[in-house]
Amino acid sequence: MTLSLVAHDMSAGVLEVDSGRLSGFMAKQGWQENQLPVHYGSPRFVTGNVAPGISITKSECSLKQDFRSCVDHDAPVAILGFGLRGHSNFSFGRRSPSSLVRPGDIWLYRPDDQAMCRHTPAGQECQMVALKFSGPRFAAVFEEINDSRLQPVTSDGHALRLTANLDMPNVLRDLLGNPLVTGLDRLAAESAALTLLVECLQKTPTPDLGTSNALSPEEKRAIAQTRDLLIKDLSCPPDLETLARATGFTHTRLNRCFRKAYGTTVFAWLRDYRLEQARILLGRDHQSITDIAYFCGFSSSSHFGSCFRARFGQTPQQFRQCPDM
């Protein structure tokens, strides 16, 4: 996410970006503002070098045409991305499943040796913030976490949707408001960045795969692919037959795999996932309850309310008023 705005200097096609070109967009101290002259919009992004191995970028753009970019990293990185306004799709390679970054979303990306591709549709105001962590220090940490706790959302393993319930404007204020000029500035920014990273990872619940050892590699792949397809659009997920065809399983076998992994069926898992996402959105207080209900795939606010109360023992309105209960 930090890198993709350089694609705005293209009028058509896909811009290929390497790390050498990106180095000119990073200030040695303080913030560097970059605005690229294009004929169909006004892309703008500011970059800051927080500490060795940590950088931050806030991007803002409004374009009349779609744009696409692919960025190759020359070393392992992890990118913590925050959606503030508008939306973009990210993927890794031509056949990789995409992840949709929307307002309020937090994603952890690990491109590894794959190009990181971005597609932002035209006709919207798009704002995103990205923290990039690189170097052996962070590579070792992420390998440890990935091996022990976190499960990727996309079946290729490059993207993980985080579910930390954070007030992002307040959380990001310390970083975006830091001048990054003096040594103390950068030390405070490094502390804020690391605290934010830890908070995001610690608050992300671990999928309960208590019986996952009973699953074959093929079955684990089918579960990951099914999750990708189900959460890509919560308001209109594919039916069970479509999921079965996509994975090459029968719908009976697919449900059996989900029971092994989660103790429930495919669509019971989806209902629980929708309710968890709705609870996160309610805590942010940025959308109406009706909008959240439709966004998370419920047919009406009344249906959403009854499901939410059955799961959490409160109505959505009661939870919004007292989210810590």
C-alpha atoms as a PDB file:
ATOM      1  CA  MET A   1       0.000   0.000   0.000  1.00  0.00           C
ATOM      2  CA  THR A   2       2.849   2.353   0.688  1.00  0.00           C
ATOM      3  CA  LEU A   3       4.176   1.945  -2.793  1.00  0.00           C
ATOM      4  CA  SER A   4       1.290   1.863  -5.154  1.00  0.00           C
ATOM      5  CA  LEU A   5       0.514   5.537  -5.653  1.00  0.00           C
ATOM      6  CA  VAL A   6       3.449   5.921  -8.016  1.00  0.00           C
ATOM      7  CA  ALA A   7       1.198   4.213 -10.520  1.00  0.00           C
ATOM      8  CA  HIS A   8      -0.712   7.455 -11.004  1.00  0.00           C
ATOM      9  CA  ASP A   9       1.769   8.775 -13.569  1.00  0.00           C
ATOM     10  CA  MET A  10       0.434   6.266 -16.088  1.00  0.00           C
ATOM     11  CA  SER A  11      -2.447   7.133 -18.399  1.00  0.00           C
ATOM     12  CA  ALA A  12      -3.063   3.489 -19.310  1.00  0.00           C
ATOM     13  CA  GLY A  13      -1.789   0.011 -18.579  1.00  0.00           C
ATOM     14  CA  VAL A  14       0.043  -1.205 -15.488  1.00  0.00           C
ATOM     15  CA  LEU A  15       3.070   0.527 -14.060  1.00  0.00           C
ATOM     16  CA  GLU A  16       5.876  -1.750 -12.904  1.00  0.00           C
ATOM     17  CA  VAL A  17       7.765  -0.260  -9.954  1.00  0.00           C
ATOM     18  CA  ASP A  18      11.031  -1.402  -8.399  1.00  0.00           C
ATOM     19  CA  SER A  19      12.587  -0.402  -5.091  1.00  0.00           C
ATOM     20  CA  GLY A  20      15.139   1.879  -6.748  1.00  0.00           C
ATOM     21  CA  ARG A  21      12.451   4.187  -8.086  1.00  0.00           C
ATOM     22  CA  LEU A  22      10.722   4.291  -4.718  1.00  0.00           C
ATOM     23  CA  SER A  23      13.762   5.515  -2.831  1.00  0.00           C
ATOM     24  CA  GLY A  24      13.314   9.004  -4.290  1.00  0.00           C
ATOM     25  CA  PHE A  25       9.949   9.356  -2.572  1.00  0.00           C
ATOM     26  CA  MET A  26      11.257   8.858   0.968  1.00  0.00           C
ATOM     27  CA  ALA A  27      12.534  11.797   3.046  1.00  0.00           C
ATOM     28  CA  LYS A  28      15.682  11.311   5.115  1.00  0.00           C
ATOM     29  CA  GLN A  29      14.008  13.225   7.925  1.00  0.00           C
ATOM     30  CA  GLY A  30      10.628  14.861   8.344  1.00  0.00           C
ATOM     31  CA  TRP A  31       7.907  14.273   5.782  1.00  0.00           C
ATOM     32  CA  GLN A  32       8.178  14.416   2.021  1.00  0.00           C
ATOM     33  CA  GLU A  33       5.122  15.404   0.013  1.00  0.00           C
ATOM     34  CA  ASN A  34       4.831  13.989  -3.492  1.00  0.00           C
ATOM     35  CA  GLN A  35       2.195  14.979  -6.022  1.00  0.00           C
ATOM     36  CA  LEU A  36       2.326  13.465  -9.472  1.00  0.00           C
ATOM     37  CA  PRO A  37       1.120  15.480 -12.485  1.00  0.00           C
ATOM     38  CA  VAL A  38      -1.516  13.450 -14.300  1.00  0.00           C
ATOM     39  CA  HIS A  39      -4.279  14.400 -16.715  1.00  0.00           C
ATOM     40  CA  TYR A  40      -7.107  12.572 -14.956  1.00  0.00           C
ATOM     41  CA  GLY A  41      -6.792  13.312 -11.258  1.00  0.00           C
ATOM     42  CA  SER A  42      -4.732  14.611  -8.358  1.00  0.00           C
ATOM     43  CA  PRO A  43      -2.789  11.889  -6.562  1.00  0.00           C
ATOM     44  CA  ARG A  44      -0.884  12.987  -3.474  1.00  0.00           C
ATOM     45  CA  PHE A  45       1.081  11.067  -0.919  1.00  0.00           C
ATOM     46  CA  VAL A  46       3.343  11.973   1.972  1.00  0.00           C
ATOM     47  CA  THR A  47       6.058   9.671   3.237  1.00  0.00           C
ATOM     48  CA  GLY A  48       7.991   9.572   6.477  1.00  0.00           C
ATOM     49  CA  ASN A  49      11.002   7.540   7.558  1.00  0.00           C
ATOM     50  CA  VAL A  50      10.184   6.549  11.134  1.00  0.00           C
ATOM     51  CA  ALA A  51      13.204   4.377  12.009  1.00  0.00           C
ATOM     52  CA  PRO A  52      15.464   1.789  10.374  1.00  0.00           C
ATOM     53  CA  GLY A  53      13.049  -0.701   8.851  1.00  0.00           C
ATOM     54  CA  ILE A  54       9.893   1.348   9.527  1.00  0.00           C
ATOM     55  CA  SER A  55       8.257   3.866   7.187  1.00  0.00           C
ATOM     56  CA  ILE A  56       4.791   5.391   6.924  1.00  0.00           C
ATOM     57  CA  THR A  57       2.785   6.736   4.004  1.00  0.00           C
ATOM     58  CA  LYS A  58      -0.561   8.501   3.791  1.00  0.00           C
ATOM     59  CA  SER A  59      -2.056   8.514   0.311  1.00  0.00           C
ATOM     60  CA  GLU A  60      -4.916  10.597  -1.057  1.00  0.00           C
ATOM     61  CA  CYS A  61      -6.217  10.464  -4.595  1.00  0.00           C
ATOM     62  CA  SER A  62      -9.206  11.365  -6.725  1.00  0.00           C
ATOM     63  CA  LEU A  63      -9.076   9.988 -10.265  1.00  0.00           C
ATOM     64  CA  LYS A  64     -11.318   9.962 -13.292  1.00  0.00           C
ATOM     65  CA  GLN A  65      -9.795   6.725 -14.588  1.00  0.00           C
ATOM     66  CA  ASP A  66      -8.951   3.402 -12.989  1.00  0.00           C
ATOM     67  CA  PHE A  67      -5.320   2.789 -12.233  1.00  0.00           C
ATOM     68  CA  ARG A  68      -3.270  -0.328 -11.668  1.00  0.00           C
ATOM     69  CA  SER A  69       0.245  -0.898 -10.448  1.00  0.00           C
ATOM     70  CA  CYS A  70       2.581  -3.740  -9.562  1.00  0.00           C
ATOM     71  CA  VAL A  71       5.433  -3.246  -7.115  1.00  0.00           C
ATOM     72  CA  ASP A  72       8.346  -5.624  -6.600  1.00  0.00           C
ATOM     73  CA  HIS A  73      10.119  -5.597  -3.254  1.00  0.00           C
ATOM     74  CA  ASP A  74      13.785  -6.509  -3.139  1.00  0.00           C
ATOM     75  CA  ALA A  75      13.609  -7.756   0.464  1.00  0.00           C
ATOM     76  CA  PRO A  76      11.007  -9.254   2.820  1.00  0.00           C
ATOM     77  CA  VAL A  77       8.516  -6.670   4.097  1.00  0.00           C
ATOM     78  CA  ALA A  78       5.266  -6.601   6.031  1.00  0.00           C
ATOM     79  CA  ILE A  79       2.776  -3.814   5.345  1.00  0.00           C
ATOM     80  CA  LEU A  80       0.100  -2.842   7.852  1.00  0.00           C
ATOM     81  CA  GLY A  81      -2.595  -1.066   5.848  1.00  0.00           C
ATOM     82  CA  PHE A  82      -5.483   1.086   7.096  1.00  0.00           C
ATOM     83  CA  GLY A  83      -8.455   2.009   4.905  1.00  0.00           C
ATOM     84  CA  LEU A  84      -9.755   5.510   5.609  1.00  0.00           C
ATOM     85  CA  ARG A  85     -11.880   6.452   2.586  1.00  0.00           C
ATOM     86  CA  GLY A  86     -12.789   4.830  -0.728  1.00  0.00           C
ATOM     87  CA  HIS A  87     -11.533   1.366  -1.630  1.00  0.00           C
ATOM     88  CA  SER A  88      -8.781  -0.465  -3.497  1.00  0.00           C
ATOM     89  CA  ASN A  89      -8.101  -4.094  -4.371  1.00  0.00           C
ATOM     90  CA  PHE A  90      -4.714  -5.687  -3.677  1.00  0.00           C
ATOM     91  CA  SER A  91      -3.399  -8.971  -5.005  1.00  0.00           C
ATOM     92  CA  PHE A  92      -0.116 -10.819  -5.574  1.00  0.00           C
ATOM     93  CA  GLY A  93       0.369 -12.073  -9.109  1.00  0.00           C
ATOM     94  CA  ARG A  94      -2.166 -12.445 -11.885  1.00  0.00           C
ATOM     95  CA  ARG A  95      -4.093 -15.395 -10.454  1.00  0.00           C
ATOM     96  CA  SER A  96      -3.972 -14.434  -6.819  1.00  0.00           C
ATOM     97  CA  PRO A  97      -7.209 -13.782  -4.895  1.00  0.00           C
ATOM     98  CA  SER A  98      -7.681 -10.093  -4.193  1.00  0.00           C
ATOM     99  CA  SER A  99      -8.312  -8.357  -0.874  1.00  0.00           C
ATOM    100  CA  LEU A 100     -10.637  -5.365  -0.780  1.00  0.00           C
ATOM    101  CA  VAL A 101      -9.489  -2.538   1.518  1.00  0.00           C
ATOM    102  CA  ARG A 102     -12.415  -0.366   2.640  1.00  0.00           C
ATOM    103  CA  PRO A 103     -12.875   2.358   5.257  1.00  0.00           C
ATOM    104  CA  GLY A 104     -12.214   0.914   8.701  1.00  0.00           C
ATOM    105  CA  ASP A 105     -10.380  -2.148   7.380  1.00  0.00           C
ATOM    106  CA  ILE A 106      -6.956  -3.160   8.657  1.00  0.00           C
ATOM    107  CA  TRP A 107      -4.891  -5.593   6.597  1.00  0.00           C
ATOM    108  CA  LEU A 108      -1.491  -7.166   7.069  1.00  0.00           C
ATOM    109  CA  TYR A 109       0.299  -7.844   3.790  1.00  0.00           C
ATOM    110  CA  ARG A 110       3.403  -9.969   3.287  1.00  0.00           C
ATOM    111  CA  PRO A 111       4.332  -9.932  -0.404  1.00  0.00           C
ATOM    112  CA  ASP A 112       7.368 -12.222   0.005  1.00  0.00           C
ATOM    113  CA  ASP A 113       8.717 -12.751  -3.508  1.00  0.00           C
ATOM    114  CA  GLN A 114       5.501 -11.756  -5.298  1.00  0.00           C
ATOM    115  CA  ALA A 115       4.692  -8.427  -6.932  1.00  0.00           C
ATOM    116  CA  MET A 116       2.127  -6.445  -4.957  1.00  0.00           C
ATOM    117  CA  CYS A 117      -0.609  -5.279  -7.339  1.00  0.00           C
ATOM    118  CA  ARG A 118      -3.175  -2.552  -6.701  1.00  0.00           C
ATOM    119  CA  HIS A 119      -6.341  -1.617  -8.558  1.00  0.00           C
ATOM    120  CA  THR A 120      -8.231   1.521  -7.520  1.00  0.00           C
ATOM    121  CA  PRO A 121     -11.499   2.226  -9.370  1.00  0.00           C
ATOM    122  CA  ALA A 122     -12.145   5.700 -10.751  1.00  0.00           C
ATOM    123  CA  GLY A 123     -14.673   8.189  -9.432  1.00  0.00           C
ATOM    124  CA  GLN A 124     -13.943   8.066  -5.711  1.00  0.00           C
ATOM    125  CA  GLU A 125     -11.955   9.801  -3.008  1.00  0.00           C
ATOM    126  CA  CYS A 126      -9.452   7.258  -1.751  1.00  0.00           C
ATOM    127  CA  GLN A 127      -7.371   7.660   1.412  1.00  0.00           C
ATOM    128  CA  MET A 128      -5.139   5.039   2.971  1.00  0.00           C
ATOM    129  CA  VAL A 129      -2.339   4.871   5.518  1.00  0.00           C
ATOM    130  CA  ALA A 130       0.378   2.232   5.475  1.00  0.00           C
ATOM    131  CA  LEU A 131       3.101   1.242   7.882  1.00  0.00           C
ATOM    132  CA  LYS A 132       5.890  -0.778   6.305  1.00  0.00           C
ATOM    133  CA  PHE A 133       8.165  -3.006   8.378  1.00  0.00           C
ATOM    134  CA  SER A 134      11.279  -4.501   6.816  1.00  0.00           C
ATOM    135  CA  GLY A 135      14.613  -6.015   7.781  1.00  0.00           C
ATOM    136  CA  PRO A 136      15.674  -9.178   9.639  1.00  0.00           C
ATOM    137  CA  ARG A 137      14.288  -7.877  12.944  1.00  0.00           C
ATOM    138  CA  PHE A 138      10.731  -7.863  11.656  1.00  0.00           C
ATOM    139  CA  ALA A 139      11.078 -10.861   9.355  1.00  0.00           C
ATOM    140  CA  ALA A 140      11.882 -13.067  12.345  1.00  0.00           C
ATOM    141  CA  VAL A 141       8.944 -11.695  14.348  1.00  0.00           C
ATOM    142  CA  PHE A 142       6.424 -12.220  11.555  1.00  0.00           C
ATOM    143  CA  GLU A 143       7.650 -15.734  10.856  1.00  0.00           C
ATOM    144  CA  GLU A 144       7.196 -16.604  14.515  1.00  0.00           C
ATOM    145  CA  ILE A 145       3.702 -15.116  14.630  1.00  0.00           C
ATOM    146  CA  ASN A 146       2.637 -16.676  11.339  1.00  0.00           C
ATOM    147  CA  ASP A 147       3.800 -20.131  12.374  1.00  0.00           C
ATOM    148  CA  SER A 148       2.128 -20.049  15.768  1.00  0.00           C
ATOM    149  CA  ARG A 149      -1.038 -17.990  15.604  1.00  0.00           C
ATOM    150  CA  LEU A 150      -2.264 -16.098  12.566  1.00  0.00           C
ATOM    151  CA  GLN A 151      -4.153 -17.651   9.684  1.00  0.00           C
ATOM    152  CA  PRO A 152      -4.196 -15.853   6.312  1.00  0.00           C
ATOM    153  CA  VAL A 153      -7.480 -14.823   4.769  1.00  0.00           C
ATOM    154  CA  THR A 154      -6.285 -15.359   1.195  1.00  0.00           C
ATOM    155  CA  SER A 155      -5.346 -18.854   0.174  1.00  0.00           C
ATOM    156  CA  ASP A 156      -1.953 -17.738  -1.156  1.00  0.00           C
ATOM    157  CA  GLY A 157      -0.994 -16.622   2.371  1.00  0.00           C
ATOM    158  CA  HIS A 158      -0.041 -13.033   1.494  1.00  0.00           C
ATOM    159  CA  ALA A 159      -2.962 -11.170   3.105  1.00  0.00           C
ATOM    160  CA  LEU A 160      -4.460 -11.273   6.572  1.00  0.00           C
ATOM    161  CA  ARG A 161      -7.518  -9.257   7.545  1.00  0.00           C
ATOM    162  CA  LEU A 162      -7.016  -7.983  11.085  1.00  0.00           C
ATOM    163  CA  THR A 163     -10.009  -7.521  13.348  1.00  0.00           C
ATOM    164  CA  ALA A 164      -8.614  -5.181  15.993  1.00  0.00           C
ATOM    165  CA  ASN A 165     -11.341  -2.779  17.059  1.00  0.00           C
ATOM    166  CA  LEU A 166      -9.409   0.502  16.855  1.00  0.00           C
ATOM    167  CA  ASP A 167     -10.431   4.127  16.667  1.00  0.00           C
ATOM    168  CA  MET A 168      -8.137   4.711  13.718  1.00  0.00           C
ATOM    169  CA  PRO A 169      -8.214   8.533  13.563  1.00  0.00           C
ATOM    170  CA  ASN A 170      -7.013   8.673  17.180  1.00  0.00           C
ATOM    171  CA  VAL A 171      -4.612   5.751  16.832  1.00  0.00           C
ATOM    172  CA  LEU A 172      -2.958   7.218  13.744  1.00  0.00           C
ATOM    173  CA  ARG A 173      -2.879  10.805  15.025  1.00  0.00           C
ATOM    174  CA  ASP A 174       0.345  10.322  16.993  1.00  0.00           C
ATOM    175  CA  LEU A 175       2.100   9.008  13.919  1.00  0.00           C
ATOM    176  CA  LEU A 176       0.723  11.351  11.294  1.00  0.00           C
ATOM    177  CA  GLY A 177       1.130  14.392  13.555  1.00  0.00           C
ATOM    178  CA  ASN A 178       4.757  13.636  14.456  1.00  0.00           C
ATOM    179  CA  PRO A 179       7.181  16.021  12.665  1.00  0.00           C
ATOM    180  CA  LEU A 180       9.867  13.286  12.402  1.00  0.00           C
ATOM    181  CA  VAL A 181      12.634  15.885  12.597  1.00  0.00           C
ATOM    182  CA  THR A 182      14.582  15.314  15.808  1.00  0.00           C
ATOM    183  CA  GLY A 183      15.861  12.091  17.286  1.00  0.00           C
ATOM    184  CA  LEU A 184      13.222  12.271  20.002  1.00  0.00           C
ATOM    185  CA  ASP A 185      10.516  12.739  17.342  1.00  0.00           C
ATOM    186  CA  ARG A 186      11.567   9.590  15.551  1.00  0.00           C
ATOM    187  CA  LEU A 187      11.922   7.642  18.793  1.00  0.00           C
ATOM    188  CA  ALA A 188       8.361   8.576  19.761  1.00  0.00           C
ATOM    189  CA  ALA A 189       7.142   7.631  16.265  1.00  0.00           C
ATOM    190  CA  GLU A 190       8.928   4.279  16.415  1.00  0.00           C
ATOM    191  CA  SER A 191       7.333   3.561  19.790  1.00  0.00           C
ATOM    192  CA  ALA A 192       3.875   4.487  18.436  1.00  0.00           C
ATOM    193  CA  ALA A 193       4.352   2.339  15.319  1.00  0.00           C
ATOM    194  CA  LEU A 194       5.467  -0.706  17.288  1.00  0.00           C
ATOM    195  CA  THR A 195       2.678  -0.279  19.829  1.00  0.00           C
ATOM    196  CA  LEU A 196       0.131  -0.086  17.023  1.00  0.00           C
ATOM    197  CA  LEU A 197       1.544  -3.200  15.358  1.00  0.00           C
ATOM    198  CA  VAL A 198       1.454  -5.191  18.584  1.00  0.00           C
ATOM    199  CA  GLU A 199      -2.068  -4.009  19.408  1.00  0.00           C
ATOM    200  CA  CYS A 200      -3.362  -4.976  15.966  1.00  0.00           C
ATOM    201  CA  LEU A 201      -1.826  -8.440  16.129  1.00  0.00           C
ATOM    202  CA  GLN A 202      -2.748  -9.179  19.735  1.00  0.00           C
ATOM    203  CA  LYS A 203      -6.411  -8.222  19.280  1.00  0.00           C
ATOM    204  CA  THR A 204      -6.846 -10.363  16.189  1.00  0.00           C
ATOM    205  CA  PRO A 205      -8.585 -13.566  17.272  1.00  0.00           C
ATOM    206  CA  THR A 206      -6.999 -16.830  16.289  1.00  0.00           C
ATOM    207  CA  PRO A 207      -9.214 -19.143  14.208  1.00  0.00           C
ATOM    208  CA  ASP A 208     -10.150 -22.216  16.208  1.00  0.00           C
ATOM    209  CA  LEU A 209      -8.656 -25.019  14.207  1.00  0.00           C
ATOM    210  CA  GLY A 210      -8.441 -27.441  17.101  1.00  0.00           C
ATOM    211  CA  THR A 211      -8.971 -30.434  14.814  1.00  0.00           C
ATOM    212  CA  SER A 212      -6.989 -29.030  11.896  1.00  0.00           C
ATOM    213  CA  ASN A 213      -4.474 -31.883  12.164  1.00  0.00           C
ATOM    214  CA  ALA A 214      -7.265 -34.135  10.933  1.00  0.00           C
ATOM    215  CA  LEU A 215      -7.482 -32.104   7.714  1.00  0.00           C
ATOM    216  CA  SER A 216      -5.464 -32.984   4.648  1.00  0.00           C
ATOM    217  CA  PRO A 217      -3.517 -30.245   2.800  1.00  0.00           C
ATOM    218  CA  GLU A 218      -6.181 -30.384   0.083  1.00  0.00           C
ATOM    219  CA  GLU A 219      -8.952 -29.831   2.626  1.00  0.00           C
ATOM    220  CA  LYS A 220      -7.112 -26.926   4.256  1.00  0.00           C
ATOM    221  CA  ARG A 221      -6.735 -25.352   0.810  1.00  0.00           C
ATOM    222  CA  ALA A 222     -10.457 -25.773   0.145  1.00  0.00           C
ATOM    223  CA  ILE A 223     -11.343 -24.136   3.473  1.00  0.00           C
ATOM    224  CA  ALA A 224      -9.057 -21.167   2.779  1.00  0.00           C
ATOM    225  CA  GLN A 225     -10.459 -20.762  -0.739  1.00  0.00           C
ATOM    226  CA  THR A 226     -14.034 -20.964   0.563  1.00  0.00           C
ATOM    227  CA  ARG A 227     -13.328 -18.297   3.191  1.00  0.00           C
ATOM    228  CA  ASP A 228     -11.885 -16.040   0.470  1.00  0.00           C
ATOM    229  CA  LEU A 229     -15.020 -16.361  -1.627  1.00  0.00           C
ATOM    230  CA  LEU A 230     -17.430 -15.923   1.279  1.00  0.00           C
ATOM    231  CA  ILE A 231     -15.941 -12.723   2.698  1.00  0.00           C
ATOM    232  CA  LYS A 232     -15.142 -11.051  -0.613  1.00  0.00           C
ATOM    233  CA  ASP A 233     -18.656  -9.588  -0.603  1.00  0.00           C
ATOM    234  CA  LEU A 234     -20.530 -10.235   2.643  1.00  0.00           C
ATOM    235  CA  SER A 235     -23.744  -8.827   1.217  1.00  0.00           C
ATOM    236  CA  CYS A 236     -23.844 -11.294  -1.690  1.00  0.00           C
ATOM    237  CA  PRO A 237     -21.811 -14.468  -1.072  1.00  0.00           C
ATOM    238  CA  PRO A 238     -21.908 -17.416  -3.494  1.00  0.00           C
ATOM    239  CA  ASP A 239     -24.214 -20.321  -2.745  1.00  0.00           C
ATOM    240  CA  LEU A 240     -22.978 -23.716  -1.575  1.00  0.00           C
ATOM    241  CA  GLU A 241     -23.079 -25.278  -5.038  1.00  0.00           C
ATOM    242  CA  THR A 242     -20.907 -22.479  -6.433  1.00  0.00           C
ATOM    243  CA  LEU A 243     -18.445 -22.885  -3.573  1.00  0.00           C
ATOM    244  CA  ALA A 244     -18.310 -26.622  -4.142  1.00  0.00           C
ATOM    245  CA  ARG A 245     -17.562 -26.186  -7.852  1.00  0.00           C
ATOM    246  CA  ALA A 246     -14.850 -23.621  -7.114  1.00  0.00           C
ATOM    247  CA  THR A 247     -13.052 -25.900  -4.672  1.00  0.00           C
ATOM    248  CA  GLY A 248     -13.609 -29.154  -6.557  1.00  0.00           C
ATOM    249  CA  PHE A 249     -15.391 -30.643  -3.534  1.00  0.00           C
ATOM    250  CA  THR A 250     -18.954 -31.777  -3.124  1.00  0.00           C
ATOM    251  CA  HIS A 251     -21.003 -29.498  -0.883  1.00  0.00           C
ATOM    252  CA  THR A 252     -21.298 -32.376   1.602  1.00  0.00           C
ATOM    253  CA  ARG A 253     -17.532 -32.766   1.833  1.00  0.00           C
ATOM    254  CA  LEU A 254     -17.044 -29.007   2.102  1.00  0.00           C
ATOM    255  CA  ASN A 255     -19.438 -28.808   5.048  1.00  0.00           C
ATOM    256  CA  ARG A 256     -17.682 -31.790   6.609  1.00  0.00           C
ATOM    257  CA  CYS A 257     -14.337 -29.978   6.356  1.00  0.00           C
ATOM    258  CA  PHE A 258     -15.765 -26.892   8.039  1.00  0.00           C
ATOM    259  CA  ARG A 259     -17.188 -29.034  10.823  1.00  0.00           C
ATOM    260  CA  LYS A 260     -13.742 -30.542  11.375  1.00  0.00           C
ATOM    261  CA  ALA A 261     -12.083 -27.122  11.479  1.00  0.00           C
ATOM    262  CA  TYR A 262     -14.727 -24.935  13.148  1.00  0.00           C
ATOM    263  CA  GLY A 263     -17.343 -27.276  14.548  1.00  0.00           C
ATOM    264  CA  THR A 264     -20.040 -25.851  12.265  1.00  0.00           C
ATOM    265  CA  THR A 265     -21.211 -25.711   8.638  1.00  0.00           C
ATOM    266  CA  VAL A 266     -20.028 -23.318   5.924  1.00  0.00           C
ATOM    267  CA  PHE A 267     -22.898 -20.871   6.260  1.00  0.00           C
ATOM    268  CA  ALA A 268     -23.076 -21.097  10.032  1.00  0.00           C
ATOM    269  CA  TRP A 269     -19.416 -20.032   9.977  1.00  0.00           C
ATOM    270  CA  LEU A 270     -20.324 -17.168   7.635  1.00  0.00           C
ATOM    271  CA  ARG A 271     -23.122 -16.006   9.953  1.00  0.00           C
ATOM    272  CA  ASP A 272     -20.707 -15.916  12.885  1.00  0.00           C
ATOM    273  CA  TYR A 273     -18.134 -14.058  10.797  1.00  0.00           C
ATOM    274  CA  ARG A 274     -20.744 -11.488   9.722  1.00  0.00           C
ATOM    275  CA  LEU A 275     -21.760 -10.888  13.335  1.00  0.00           C
ATOM    276  CA  GLU A 276     -18.144 -10.442  14.422  1.00  0.00           C
ATOM    277  CA  GLN A 277     -17.552  -7.927  11.630  1.00  0.00           C
ATOM    278  CA  ALA A 278     -20.770  -6.108  12.558  1.00  0.00           C
ATOM    279  CA  ARG A 279     -19.657  -5.879  16.186  1.00  0.00           C
ATOM    280  CA  ILE A 280     -16.369  -4.287  15.088  1.00  0.00           C
ATOM    281  CA  LEU A 281     -18.189  -1.762  12.903  1.00  0.00           C
ATOM    282  CA  LEU A 282     -20.636  -0.912  15.681  1.00  0.00           C
ATOM    283  CA  GLY A 283     -17.721  -0.105  17.960  1.00  0.00           C
ATOM    284  CA  ARG A 284     -16.396   2.442  15.480  1.00  0.00           C
ATOM    285  CA  ASP A 285     -19.707   4.346  15.359  1.00  0.00           C
ATOM    286  CA  HIS A 286     -19.110   5.579  11.807  1.00  0.00           C
ATOM    287  CA  GLN A 287     -22.162   3.986  10.148  1.00  0.00           C
ATOM    288  CA  SER A 288     -25.800   3.603  10.999  1.00  0.00           C
ATOM    289  CA  ILE A 289     -26.992   0.259  12.332  1.00  0.00           C
ATOM    290  CA  THR A 290     -29.076  -0.250   9.193  1.00  0.00           C
ATOM    291  CA  ASP A 291     -26.066   0.386   6.943  1.00  0.00           C
ATOM    292  CA  ILE A 292     -23.964  -2.037   8.969  1.00  0.00           C
ATOM    293  CA  ALA A 293     -26.689  -4.677   8.750  1.00  0.00           C
ATOM    294  CA  TYR A 294     -26.851  -4.477   4.952  1.00  0.00           C
ATOM    295  CA  PHE A 295     -23.072  -4.223   4.567  1.00  0.00           C
ATOM    296  CA  CYS A 296     -22.606  -7.421   6.585  1.00  0.00           C
ATOM    297  CA  GLY A 297     -25.190  -9.285   4.533  1.00  0.00           C
ATOM    298  CA  PHE A 298     -28.317  -9.234   6.686  1.00  0.00           C
ATOM    299  CA  SER A 299     -31.612  -8.845   4.844  1.00  0.00           C
ATOM    300  CA  SER A 300     -33.001  -6.267   7.274  1.00  0.00           C
ATOM    301  CA  SER A 301     -32.036  -4.371  10.390  1.00  0.00           C
ATOM    302  CA  SER A 302     -34.635  -6.315  12.397  1.00  0.00           C
ATOM    303  CA  HIS A 303     -33.163  -9.650  11.308  1.00  0.00           C
ATOM    304  CA  PHE A 304     -29.703  -8.351  12.138  1.00  0.00           C
ATOM    305  CA  GLY A 305     -30.897  -7.190  15.550  1.00  0.00           C
ATOM    306  CA  SER A 306     -32.370 -10.555  16.485  1.00  0.00           C
ATOM    307  CA  CYS A 307     -29.262 -12.454  15.321  1.00  0.00           C
ATOM    308  CA  PHE A 308     -26.962 -10.040  17.144  1.00  0.00           C
ATOM    309  CA  ARG A 309     -28.927 -10.328  20.383  1.00  0.00           C
ATOM    310  CA  ALA A 310     -28.993 -14.112  20.169  1.00  0.00           C
ATOM    311  CA  ARG A 311     -25.214 -14.179  19.762  1.00  0.00           C
ATOM    312  CA  PHE A 312     -24.057 -11.415  22.126  1.00  0.00           C
ATOM    313  CA  GLY A 313     -26.959 -10.967  24.564  1.00  0.00           C
ATOM    314  CA  GLN A 314     -27.474  -7.313  23.572  1.00  0.00           C
ATOM    315  CA  THR A 315     -29.179  -5.438  20.789  1.00  0.00           C
ATOM    316  CA  PRO A 316     -26.862  -3.575  18.379  1.00  0.00           C
ATOM    317  CA  GLN A 317     -28.008  -0.280  19.936  1.00  0.00           C
ATOM    318  CA  GLN A 318     -27.210  -1.491  23.466  1.00  0.00           C
ATOM    319  CA  PHE A 319     -23.800  -2.699  22.345  1.00  0.00           C
ATOM    320  CA  ARG A 320     -23.034   0.612  20.646  1.00  0.00           C
ATOM    321  CA  GLN A 321     -23.888   2.502  23.839  1.00  0.00           C
ATOM    322  CA  CYS A 322     -21.812   0.173  26.070  1.00  0.00           C
ATOM    323  CA  PRO A 323     -19.299  -1.657  23.842  1.00  0.00           C
ATOM    324  CA  ASP A 324     -17.165  -2.850  26.761  1.00  0.00           C
ATOM    325  CA  MET A 325     -19.943  -4.784  28.475  1.00  0.00           C
END
